[in-house]
Amino acid sequence: MPTILMPTRITANSAILIDHIYYCEGRNNKSITSKSGNFLTDITDHLPNYLLLINNKKINNTIGPMTRIFSKTNKNNFVGELNHIKWDHLFAQSDANSAYDIFNDTITALFNKHFPLRRKSRKSAKDKRWITKGLKKSSRIKSKLYKKMASLRS
């Protein structure tokens, strides 16, 4: 892309470039385009400049958020398998960092096995954290009662 130099300090006698923005697009980055320019303002004695980086990659919005399911069964399975781990190889370590790495890797693998990341359904992805099961139930009951009342009036 050619370099365009725009003056940022303009007076009655001169126009000079005193502010700079440098950006390297790289060789293989065809998905990002840039736009730059100056703001026309009389707040300062020079023109502020800007650079916009525009990502032209299409973003897949259909992928919903991920969650872990901490059900009673999953918790019991996790604790059960945790109780059966043999830690002899951990205690045999003379280096604290190696022992910690073994411990951390074991617990993380077990956690990911029993509480894997699952994609939320579209319905549950719309839920807010503060909307509890009790609020949902109350809302359904209220809707049913409202419909019953509306049918009685007509």
N, C-alpha and C. Protein backbone atom coordinates (compact mmCIF):
# COMPACT_ATOMS: atom_id res chain seq x y z
N MET A 1 0.86 -1.16 0.00
CA MET A 1 0.00 0.00 0.00
C MET A 1 0.91 1.23 0.00
N PRO A 2 0.61 2.21 -0.82
CA PRO A 2 1.47 3.39 -0.86
C PRO A 2 1.32 4.21 0.41
N THR A 3 2.38 4.87 0.77
CA THR A 3 2.36 5.73 1.94
C THR A 3 1.85 7.10 1.54
N ILE A 4 0.85 7.57 2.24
CA ILE A 4 0.28 8.89 1.97
C ILE A 4 0.60 9.77 3.16
N LEU A 5 1.29 10.85 2.91
CA LEU A 5 1.64 11.77 3.97
C LEU A 5 0.68 12.94 3.94
N MET A 6 -0.02 13.14 5.05
CA MET A 6 -0.96 14.24 5.16
C MET A 6 -0.42 15.21 6.20
N PRO A 7 -0.38 16.48 5.91
CA PRO A 7 0.11 17.42 6.91
C PRO A 7 -0.81 17.46 8.12
N THR A 8 -0.22 17.59 9.29
CA THR A 8 -1.03 17.66 10.50
C THR A 8 -0.91 19.02 11.20
N ARG A 9 0.02 19.85 10.74
CA ARG A 9 0.11 21.21 11.28
C ARG A 9 0.07 22.18 10.10
N ILE A 10 -1.00 22.90 10.04
CA ILE A 10 -1.21 23.80 8.90
C ILE A 10 -1.30 25.23 9.43
N THR A 11 -0.43 26.09 8.90
CA THR A 11 -0.46 27.51 9.24
C THR A 11 -0.65 28.30 7.96
N ALA A 12 -0.68 29.60 8.08
CA ALA A 12 -0.85 30.45 6.90
C ALA A 12 0.35 30.33 5.96
N ASN A 13 1.53 30.00 6.51
CA ASN A 13 2.74 29.98 5.70
C ASN A 13 3.25 28.57 5.37
N SER A 14 2.77 27.52 6.10
CA SER A 14 3.33 26.19 5.86
C SER A 14 2.32 25.09 6.21
N ALA A 15 2.65 23.91 5.74
CA ALA A 15 1.88 22.72 6.09
C ALA A 15 2.89 21.60 6.29
N ILE A 16 3.02 21.12 7.54
CA ILE A 16 4.04 20.12 7.84
C ILE A 16 3.42 18.92 8.55
N LEU A 17 4.15 17.82 8.50
CA LEU A 17 3.72 16.59 9.16
C LEU A 17 4.48 16.47 10.48
N ILE A 18 3.74 16.57 11.62
CA ILE A 18 4.41 16.42 12.92
C ILE A 18 3.92 15.21 13.71
N ASP A 19 2.78 14.64 13.35
CA ASP A 19 2.26 13.45 14.03
C ASP A 19 2.37 12.27 13.08
N HIS A 20 2.70 11.11 13.64
CA HIS A 20 2.90 9.93 12.81
C HIS A 20 2.15 8.74 13.38
N ILE A 21 1.64 7.88 12.51
CA ILE A 21 1.11 6.57 12.89
C ILE A 21 1.79 5.57 11.97
N TYR A 22 2.45 4.57 12.57
CA TYR A 22 3.09 3.54 11.77
C TYR A 22 2.35 2.23 11.97
N TYR A 23 2.13 1.53 10.87
CA TYR A 23 1.42 0.25 10.93
C TYR A 23 1.97 -0.65 9.84
N CYS A 24 2.30 -1.87 10.20
CA CYS A 24 2.79 -2.84 9.23
C CYS A 24 1.72 -3.90 9.02
N GLU A 25 1.23 -4.02 7.80
CA GLU A 25 0.16 -4.99 7.51
C GLU A 25 0.67 -6.42 7.46
N GLY A 26 1.94 -6.60 7.28
CA GLY A 26 2.47 -7.95 7.16
C GLY A 26 2.30 -8.45 5.73
N ARG A 27 2.85 -9.61 5.47
CA ARG A 27 2.84 -10.14 4.10
C ARG A 27 1.55 -10.87 3.75
N ASN A 28 1.05 -11.68 4.67
CA ASN A 28 -0.06 -12.58 4.34
C ASN A 28 -1.40 -12.15 4.92
N ASN A 29 -1.49 -10.95 5.45
CA ASN A 29 -2.72 -10.54 6.11
C ASN A 29 -3.61 -9.78 5.14
N LYS A 30 -4.38 -10.53 4.35
CA LYS A 30 -5.28 -9.94 3.36
C LYS A 30 -6.63 -9.60 3.98
N SER A 31 -6.91 -10.07 5.18
CA SER A 31 -8.22 -9.87 5.78
C SER A 31 -8.35 -8.53 6.49
N ILE A 32 -7.26 -7.81 6.69
CA ILE A 32 -7.34 -6.53 7.39
C ILE A 32 -7.03 -5.40 6.42
N THR A 33 -7.91 -4.43 6.37
CA THR A 33 -7.66 -3.23 5.60
C THR A 33 -7.56 -2.06 6.57
N SER A 34 -6.94 -1.00 6.12
CA SER A 34 -6.76 0.15 7.01
C SER A 34 -7.25 1.41 6.34
N LYS A 35 -7.74 2.32 7.14
CA LYS A 35 -8.15 3.64 6.68
C LYS A 35 -7.57 4.64 7.68
N SER A 36 -7.06 5.73 7.18
CA SER A 36 -6.49 6.73 8.08
C SER A 36 -6.81 8.13 7.57
N GLY A 37 -6.65 9.08 8.43
CA GLY A 37 -6.92 10.47 8.06
C GLY A 37 -6.69 11.40 9.23
N ASN A 38 -7.10 12.63 9.04
CA ASN A 38 -6.97 13.65 10.07
C ASN A 38 -8.35 14.18 10.44
N PHE A 39 -8.50 14.56 11.70
CA PHE A 39 -9.72 15.23 12.14
C PHE A 39 -9.51 16.73 11.97
N LEU A 40 -10.50 17.40 11.43
CA LEU A 40 -10.43 18.85 11.31
C LEU A 40 -10.99 19.46 12.59
N THR A 41 -10.14 20.12 13.34
CA THR A 41 -10.56 20.72 14.60
C THR A 41 -9.68 21.93 14.91
N ASP A 42 -10.21 22.85 15.67
CA ASP A 42 -9.41 24.01 16.07
C ASP A 42 -9.06 23.97 17.55
N ILE A 43 -9.16 22.78 18.15
CA ILE A 43 -8.84 22.63 19.56
C ILE A 43 -7.34 22.82 19.81
N THR A 44 -6.52 22.30 18.91
CA THR A 44 -5.07 22.41 19.06
C THR A 44 -4.50 23.09 17.82
N ASP A 45 -3.19 23.31 17.84
CA ASP A 45 -2.55 23.95 16.69
C ASP A 45 -2.18 22.96 15.59
N HIS A 46 -2.55 21.71 15.79
CA HIS A 46 -2.33 20.71 14.74
C HIS A 46 -3.55 19.78 14.66
N LEU A 47 -3.63 19.00 13.60
CA LEU A 47 -4.77 18.14 13.37
C LEU A 47 -4.52 16.75 13.95
N PRO A 48 -5.39 16.25 14.82
CA PRO A 48 -5.24 14.87 15.32
C PRO A 48 -5.46 13.89 14.18
N ASN A 49 -4.71 12.79 14.19
CA ASN A 49 -4.89 11.80 13.14
C ASN A 49 -5.42 10.50 13.72
N TYR A 50 -5.93 9.63 12.84
CA TYR A 50 -6.53 8.37 13.27
C TYR A 50 -6.15 7.27 12.30
N LEU A 51 -6.26 6.04 12.79
CA LEU A 51 -6.04 4.84 11.97
C LEU A 51 -7.11 3.84 12.35
N LEU A 52 -7.86 3.36 11.35
CA LEU A 52 -8.87 2.33 11.57
C LEU A 52 -8.37 1.04 10.95
N LEU A 53 -8.37 -0.04 11.72
CA LEU A 53 -8.03 -1.36 11.20
C LEU A 53 -9.33 -2.12 11.07
N ILE A 54 -9.66 -2.55 9.86
CA ILE A 54 -10.94 -3.19 9.58
C ILE A 54 -10.70 -4.66 9.26
N ASN A 55 -11.30 -5.53 10.06
CA ASN A 55 -11.18 -6.97 9.84
C ASN A 55 -12.27 -7.40 8.88
N ASN A 56 -11.87 -7.88 7.70
CA ASN A 56 -12.84 -8.29 6.67
C ASN A 56 -13.20 -9.76 6.75
N LYS A 57 -12.66 -10.48 7.75
CA LYS A 57 -13.00 -11.89 7.90
C LYS A 57 -14.43 -12.01 8.36
N LYS A 58 -15.11 -13.01 7.82
CA LYS A 58 -16.48 -13.26 8.26
C LYS A 58 -16.43 -13.97 9.60
N ILE A 59 -17.23 -13.50 10.52
CA ILE A 59 -17.29 -14.08 11.85
C ILE A 59 -18.52 -14.98 11.93
N ASN A 60 -18.33 -16.19 12.38
CA ASN A 60 -19.43 -17.14 12.50
C ASN A 60 -20.15 -16.88 13.82
N ASN A 61 -21.31 -16.23 13.72
CA ASN A 61 -22.09 -15.89 14.93
C ASN A 61 -22.98 -17.02 15.40
N THR A 62 -23.03 -18.12 14.64
CA THR A 62 -23.92 -19.21 15.03
C THR A 62 -23.35 -20.05 16.15
N ILE A 63 -22.06 -19.90 16.41
CA ILE A 63 -21.44 -20.69 17.47
C ILE A 63 -21.76 -20.03 18.81
N GLY A 64 -22.43 -20.75 19.66
CA GLY A 64 -22.84 -20.21 20.94
C GLY A 64 -21.75 -20.35 21.99
N PRO A 65 -21.99 -19.79 23.15
CA PRO A 65 -21.01 -19.87 24.23
C PRO A 65 -20.87 -21.29 24.77
N MET A 66 -19.75 -21.54 25.42
CA MET A 66 -19.47 -22.85 25.99
C MET A 66 -19.72 -22.80 27.49
N THR A 67 -20.05 -23.96 28.05
CA THR A 67 -20.29 -24.06 29.49
C THR A 67 -19.88 -25.45 29.96
N ARG A 68 -19.74 -25.60 31.26
CA ARG A 68 -19.45 -26.90 31.88
C ARG A 68 -20.66 -27.28 32.72
N ILE A 69 -20.98 -28.56 32.73
CA ILE A 69 -22.14 -29.03 33.48
C ILE A 69 -21.65 -29.66 34.79
N PHE A 70 -21.98 -29.01 35.90
CA PHE A 70 -21.57 -29.47 37.22
C PHE A 70 -22.73 -30.19 37.91
N SER A 71 -23.18 -31.25 37.28
CA SER A 71 -24.29 -32.02 37.85
C SER A 71 -23.77 -32.86 39.03
N LYS A 72 -24.71 -33.35 39.82
CA LYS A 72 -24.34 -34.18 40.97
C LYS A 72 -23.61 -35.44 40.50
N THR A 73 -24.08 -36.04 39.40
CA THR A 73 -23.44 -37.24 38.86
C THR A 73 -22.01 -36.95 38.42
N ASN A 74 -21.82 -35.84 37.70
CA ASN A 74 -20.47 -35.48 37.26
C ASN A 74 -19.54 -35.24 38.45
N LYS A 75 -20.05 -34.55 39.46
CA LYS A 75 -19.24 -34.29 40.66
C LYS A 75 -18.87 -35.60 41.36
N ASN A 76 -19.84 -36.50 41.50
CA ASN A 76 -19.57 -37.80 42.16
C ASN A 76 -18.54 -38.61 41.38
N ASN A 77 -18.67 -38.62 40.05
CA ASN A 77 -17.70 -39.34 39.21
C ASN A 77 -16.30 -38.74 39.33
N PHE A 78 -16.23 -37.42 39.39
CA PHE A 78 -14.95 -36.72 39.52
C PHE A 78 -14.29 -37.08 40.85
N VAL A 79 -15.04 -36.98 41.94
CA VAL A 79 -14.51 -37.29 43.27
C VAL A 79 -14.14 -38.77 43.37
N GLY A 80 -14.96 -39.64 42.80
CA GLY A 80 -14.68 -41.07 42.83
C GLY A 80 -13.37 -41.40 42.13
N GLU A 81 -13.15 -40.83 40.95
CA GLU A 81 -11.91 -41.10 40.23
C GLU A 81 -10.73 -40.43 40.92
N LEU A 82 -10.97 -39.28 41.52
CA LEU A 82 -9.91 -38.57 42.25
C LEU A 82 -9.43 -39.41 43.43
N ASN A 83 -10.34 -40.09 44.10
CA ASN A 83 -9.99 -40.94 45.24
C ASN A 83 -9.16 -42.15 44.85
N HIS A 84 -9.23 -42.56 43.59
CA HIS A 84 -8.52 -43.76 43.16
C HIS A 84 -7.19 -43.46 42.47
N ILE A 85 -6.79 -42.20 42.43
CA ILE A 85 -5.50 -41.86 41.79
C ILE A 85 -4.37 -42.28 42.71
N LYS A 86 -3.38 -42.93 42.13
CA LYS A 86 -2.16 -43.29 42.86
C LYS A 86 -1.16 -42.14 42.68
N TRP A 87 -0.76 -41.54 43.79
CA TRP A 87 0.12 -40.37 43.75
C TRP A 87 1.58 -40.74 43.98
N ASP A 88 1.93 -42.01 43.93
CA ASP A 88 3.31 -42.44 44.21
C ASP A 88 4.32 -41.75 43.31
N HIS A 89 4.01 -41.65 42.02
CA HIS A 89 4.94 -41.02 41.09
C HIS A 89 5.11 -39.53 41.40
N LEU A 90 4.11 -38.92 42.01
CA LEU A 90 4.20 -37.51 42.40
C LEU A 90 5.14 -37.35 43.59
N PHE A 91 4.98 -38.21 44.60
CA PHE A 91 5.80 -38.12 45.79
C PHE A 91 7.24 -38.53 45.54
N ALA A 92 7.49 -39.24 44.45
CA ALA A 92 8.85 -39.67 44.11
C ALA A 92 9.66 -38.54 43.48
N GLN A 93 9.02 -37.46 43.13
CA GLN A 93 9.72 -36.33 42.49
C GLN A 93 10.58 -35.59 43.51
N SER A 94 11.78 -35.23 43.09
CA SER A 94 12.66 -34.44 43.97
C SER A 94 12.56 -32.95 43.64
N ASP A 95 12.04 -32.64 42.48
CA ASP A 95 11.90 -31.24 42.06
C ASP A 95 10.45 -30.79 42.28
N ALA A 96 10.28 -29.68 42.99
CA ALA A 96 8.94 -29.19 43.30
C ALA A 96 8.18 -28.79 42.04
N ASN A 97 8.86 -28.21 41.07
CA ASN A 97 8.20 -27.80 39.82
C ASN A 97 7.68 -29.01 39.05
N SER A 98 8.46 -30.07 39.00
CA SER A 98 8.03 -31.29 38.31
C SER A 98 6.83 -31.90 39.04
N ALA A 99 6.88 -31.92 40.36
CA ALA A 99 5.77 -32.47 41.14
C ALA A 99 4.50 -31.65 40.91
N TYR A 100 4.64 -30.33 40.90
CA TYR A 100 3.47 -29.48 40.66
C TYR A 100 2.91 -29.72 39.26
N ASP A 101 3.78 -29.82 38.26
CA ASP A 101 3.32 -30.06 36.88
C ASP A 101 2.54 -31.37 36.79
N ILE A 102 3.03 -32.43 37.44
CA ILE A 102 2.33 -33.71 37.43
C ILE A 102 0.97 -33.58 38.11
N PHE A 103 0.96 -32.93 39.27
CA PHE A 103 -0.29 -32.72 40.01
C PHE A 103 -1.29 -31.91 39.17
N ASN A 104 -0.84 -30.80 38.62
CA ASN A 104 -1.70 -29.92 37.84
C ASN A 104 -2.23 -30.63 36.59
N ASP A 105 -1.37 -31.33 35.87
CA ASP A 105 -1.79 -32.04 34.66
C ASP A 105 -2.82 -33.13 34.98
N THR A 106 -2.62 -33.83 36.11
CA THR A 106 -3.54 -34.90 36.51
C THR A 106 -4.92 -34.33 36.85
N ILE A 107 -4.93 -33.29 37.67
CA ILE A 107 -6.20 -32.68 38.09
C ILE A 107 -6.91 -32.04 36.89
N THR A 108 -6.17 -31.35 36.03
CA THR A 108 -6.77 -30.70 34.86
C THR A 108 -7.38 -31.72 33.92
N ALA A 109 -6.66 -32.81 33.66
CA ALA A 109 -7.19 -33.86 32.77
C ALA A 109 -8.45 -34.48 33.35
N LEU A 110 -8.45 -34.72 34.65
CA LEU A 110 -9.61 -35.30 35.32
C LEU A 110 -10.80 -34.33 35.28
N PHE A 111 -10.52 -33.05 35.52
CA PHE A 111 -11.56 -32.02 35.48
C PHE A 111 -12.18 -31.93 34.08
N ASN A 112 -11.33 -31.89 33.05
CA ASN A 112 -11.82 -31.80 31.67
C ASN A 112 -12.57 -33.06 31.25
N LYS A 113 -12.21 -34.20 31.83
CA LYS A 113 -12.89 -35.45 31.50
C LYS A 113 -14.31 -35.45 32.06
N HIS A 114 -14.46 -35.04 33.32
CA HIS A 114 -15.77 -35.12 33.98
C HIS A 114 -16.62 -33.87 33.82
N PHE A 115 -16.00 -32.74 33.48
CA PHE A 115 -16.73 -31.50 33.25
C PHE A 115 -16.31 -30.89 31.91
N PRO A 116 -16.57 -31.60 30.81
CA PRO A 116 -16.13 -31.10 29.51
C PRO A 116 -16.90 -29.85 29.10
N LEU A 117 -16.27 -29.05 28.26
CA LEU A 117 -16.95 -27.88 27.72
C LEU A 117 -18.00 -28.35 26.73
N ARG A 118 -19.21 -27.86 26.90
CA ARG A 118 -20.32 -28.19 26.02
C ARG A 118 -20.87 -26.89 25.44
N ARG A 119 -21.32 -26.96 24.23
CA ARG A 119 -21.94 -25.79 23.61
C ARG A 119 -23.32 -25.60 24.19
N LYS A 120 -23.62 -24.37 24.60
CA LYS A 120 -24.95 -24.07 25.13
C LYS A 120 -25.97 -24.11 24.00
N SER A 121 -27.17 -24.53 24.32
CA SER A 121 -28.23 -24.49 23.32
C SER A 121 -28.58 -23.02 23.06
N ARG A 122 -29.20 -22.78 21.93
CA ARG A 122 -29.57 -21.39 21.60
C ARG A 122 -30.51 -20.82 22.66
N LYS A 123 -31.40 -21.66 23.17
CA LYS A 123 -32.35 -21.20 24.18
C LYS A 123 -31.64 -20.81 25.47
N SER A 124 -30.75 -21.69 25.95
CA SER A 124 -30.09 -21.39 27.22
C SER A 124 -29.02 -20.32 27.06
N ALA A 125 -28.49 -20.12 25.85
CA ALA A 125 -27.48 -19.07 25.64
C ALA A 125 -28.09 -17.69 25.82
N LYS A 126 -29.41 -17.58 25.62
CA LYS A 126 -30.09 -16.30 25.78
C LYS A 126 -30.38 -15.99 27.25
N ASP A 127 -30.30 -17.00 28.11
CA ASP A 127 -30.61 -16.81 29.52
C ASP A 127 -29.60 -15.88 30.19
N LYS A 128 -30.09 -15.16 31.14
CA LYS A 128 -29.22 -14.32 31.96
C LYS A 128 -28.88 -15.10 33.22
N ARG A 129 -27.73 -14.83 33.80
CA ARG A 129 -27.29 -15.57 34.99
C ARG A 129 -28.23 -15.38 36.17
N TRP A 130 -28.86 -14.21 36.27
CA TRP A 130 -29.70 -13.93 37.42
C TRP A 130 -31.08 -14.56 37.29
N ILE A 131 -31.41 -15.12 36.12
CA ILE A 131 -32.70 -15.79 35.96
C ILE A 131 -32.55 -17.23 36.44
N THR A 132 -33.07 -17.49 37.61
CA THR A 132 -32.95 -18.82 38.22
C THR A 132 -34.07 -19.73 37.73
N LYS A 133 -33.98 -21.01 38.08
CA LYS A 133 -35.04 -21.96 37.73
C LYS A 133 -36.35 -21.54 38.37
N GLY A 134 -36.28 -21.03 39.59
CA GLY A 134 -37.49 -20.58 40.29
C GLY A 134 -38.16 -19.42 39.57
N LEU A 135 -37.36 -18.47 39.06
CA LEU A 135 -37.93 -17.34 38.31
C LEU A 135 -38.57 -17.82 37.01
N LYS A 136 -37.91 -18.77 36.34
CA LYS A 136 -38.48 -19.32 35.10
C LYS A 136 -39.82 -20.00 35.38
N LYS A 137 -39.87 -20.78 36.46
CA LYS A 137 -41.10 -21.48 36.82
C LYS A 137 -42.19 -20.47 37.15
N SER A 138 -41.86 -19.46 37.94
CA SER A 138 -42.84 -18.43 38.29
C SER A 138 -43.34 -17.70 37.05
N SER A 139 -42.46 -17.45 36.11
CA SER A 139 -42.84 -16.76 34.87
C SER A 139 -43.80 -17.62 34.04
N ARG A 140 -43.55 -18.93 33.98
CA ARG A 140 -44.46 -19.83 33.25
C ARG A 140 -45.83 -19.85 33.91
N ILE A 141 -45.86 -19.94 35.23
CA ILE A 141 -47.15 -19.95 35.97
C ILE A 141 -47.89 -18.65 35.72
N LYS A 142 -47.19 -17.53 35.78
CA LYS A 142 -47.82 -16.22 35.55
C LYS A 142 -48.42 -16.16 34.14
N SER A 143 -47.69 -16.68 33.16
CA SER A 143 -48.19 -16.67 31.78
C SER A 143 -49.45 -17.51 31.64
N LYS A 144 -49.44 -18.69 32.26
CA LYS A 144 -50.62 -19.56 32.21
C LYS A 144 -51.83 -18.88 32.86
N LEU A 145 -51.61 -18.26 34.03
CA LEU A 145 -52.71 -17.58 34.72
C LEU A 145 -53.22 -16.39 33.91
N TYR A 146 -52.31 -15.67 33.25
CA TYR A 146 -52.70 -14.53 32.43
C TYR A 146 -53.57 -15.00 31.26
N LYS A 147 -53.15 -16.10 30.61
CA LYS A 147 -53.93 -16.64 29.48
C LYS A 147 -55.31 -17.11 29.95
N LYS A 148 -55.34 -17.73 31.14
CA LYS A 148 -56.61 -18.20 31.70
C LYS A 148 -57.52 -17.00 31.97
N MET A 149 -56.99 -15.93 32.54
CA MET A 149 -57.76 -14.72 32.83
C MET A 149 -58.25 -14.09 31.53
N ALA A 150 -57.39 -14.04 30.51
CA ALA A 150 -57.80 -13.44 29.22
C ALA A 150 -58.91 -14.24 28.57
N SER A 151 -58.86 -15.56 28.69
CA SER A 151 -59.92 -16.39 28.09
C SER A 151 -61.24 -16.23 28.84
N LEU A 152 -61.18 -15.97 30.16
CA LEU A 152 -62.41 -15.77 30.94
C LEU A 152 -63.07 -14.44 30.59
N ARG A 153 -62.29 -13.43 30.26
CA ARG A 153 -62.84 -12.10 29.93
C ARG A 153 -63.53 -12.10 28.58
N SER A 154 -63.09 -12.94 27.67
CA SER A 154 -63.69 -12.89 26.32
C SER A 154 -64.84 -13.84 26.15
